[in-house]
């Protein structure tokens, strides 16, 4: 007896498969839509989670850079400089 899993019903408003493939291809230009389509779902999910997390960190760092000169007596600039110095030494 072979048991097949039923697909999980969509809750609406989710991305279509082609949009997900396109997003992966956007973040990782070495992949074409056809190549992404042939990847396992867990790999696609991991690639997207990683890209989104890195993009969020990049945006967070940009906000910190913009805001740091406006801190009390410019302490944010020193704090941010120290942070990036530590990151560069890793």
Protein backbone atom coordinates (compact mmCIF):
# COMPACT_ATOMS: atom_id res chain seq x y z
CA UNK A 1 0.00 0.00 0.00
CA UNK A 2 1.41 3.38 -1.04
CA UNK A 3 0.45 6.43 0.99
CA UNK A 4 0.72 9.83 -0.66
CA UNK A 5 0.73 13.08 1.27
CA UNK A 6 -1.88 15.64 0.32
CA UNK A 7 -0.65 19.10 -0.58
CA UNK A 8 -0.99 21.70 2.13
CA UNK A 9 -3.78 24.08 1.20
CA UNK A 10 -2.70 27.65 0.52
CA UNK A 11 -3.93 30.31 2.92
CA UNK A 12 -4.17 32.79 0.08
CA UNK A 13 -1.95 35.75 -0.53
CA UNK A 14 1.13 33.56 -0.71
CA UNK A 15 3.71 33.76 -3.43
CA UNK A 16 3.26 31.67 -6.53
CA UNK A 17 5.99 29.16 -7.32
CA UNK A 18 7.33 31.17 -10.25
CA UNK A 19 7.58 34.27 -8.05
CA UNK A 20 9.57 32.28 -5.49
CA UNK A 21 11.87 31.00 -8.24
CA UNK A 22 12.29 34.55 -9.54
CA UNK A 23 13.17 35.81 -6.07
CA UNK A 24 15.86 33.14 -5.70
CA UNK A 25 17.21 34.03 -9.15
CA UNK A 26 17.24 37.72 -8.12
CA UNK A 27 19.28 37.09 -4.97
CA UNK A 28 21.46 34.44 -6.62
CA UNK A 29 22.03 35.49 -10.26
CA UNK A 30 24.04 32.36 -11.02
CA UNK A 31 20.74 30.42 -11.02
CA UNK A 32 18.23 30.56 -13.86
CA UNK A 33 14.51 30.05 -13.26
CA UNK A 34 14.79 26.56 -14.73
CA UNK A 35 17.68 25.64 -12.41
CA UNK A 36 15.84 26.94 -9.36
CA UNK A 37 12.75 25.00 -10.38
CA UNK A 38 14.78 21.78 -10.21
CA UNK A 39 16.12 22.46 -6.70
CA UNK A 40 14.53 20.74 -3.69
CA UNK A 41 12.04 22.90 -1.79
CA UNK A 42 14.19 22.83 1.36
CA UNK A 43 17.16 24.27 -0.58
CA UNK A 44 15.00 27.02 -2.07
CA UNK A 45 13.67 27.84 1.38
CA UNK A 46 17.18 27.95 2.86
CA UNK A 47 18.47 30.18 0.05
CA UNK A 48 15.60 32.62 0.52
CA UNK A 49 15.85 32.69 4.31
CA UNK A 50 19.58 33.36 4.11
CA UNK A 51 19.24 36.07 1.46
CA UNK A 52 16.42 37.80 3.34
CA UNK A 53 18.33 37.68 6.63
CA UNK A 54 21.49 39.10 5.03
CA UNK A 55 19.50 41.84 3.28
CA UNK A 56 17.79 42.73 6.58
CA UNK A 57 21.17 42.94 8.33
CA UNK A 58 22.50 45.15 5.55
CA UNK A 59 19.52 47.49 5.86
CA UNK A 60 19.84 47.52 9.66
CA UNK A 61 23.51 48.46 9.35
CA UNK A 62 22.66 51.27 6.94
CA UNK A 63 20.11 52.66 9.39
CA UNK A 64 22.71 52.52 12.16
CA UNK A 65 25.23 54.33 9.97
CA UNK A 66 22.77 57.09 9.15
CA UNK A 67 21.59 57.49 12.75
CA UNK A 68 24.98 57.29 14.50
CA UNK A 69 26.09 60.91 13.95
CA UNK A 70 22.87 62.11 15.55
CA UNK A 71 23.47 60.36 18.86
CA UNK A 72 24.44 62.20 22.01
CA UNK A 73 27.95 63.65 21.48
CA UNK A 74 28.41 61.30 18.49
CA UNK A 75 28.84 58.25 20.72
CA UNK A 76 27.03 56.17 18.11
CA UNK A 77 29.85 56.74 15.62
CA UNK A 78 32.47 55.35 18.01
CA UNK A 79 30.24 52.43 18.97
CA UNK A 80 29.57 51.61 15.33
CA UNK A 81 33.27 51.93 14.43
CA UNK A 82 34.17 49.52 17.22
CA UNK A 83 31.52 47.07 16.04
CA UNK A 84 32.82 47.04 12.46
CA UNK A 85 36.41 46.79 13.65
CA UNK A 86 35.49 43.63 15.59
CA UNK A 87 33.62 42.24 12.58
CA UNK A 88 36.62 42.86 10.33
CA UNK A 89 38.91 40.94 12.72
CA UNK A 90 36.76 37.80 12.71
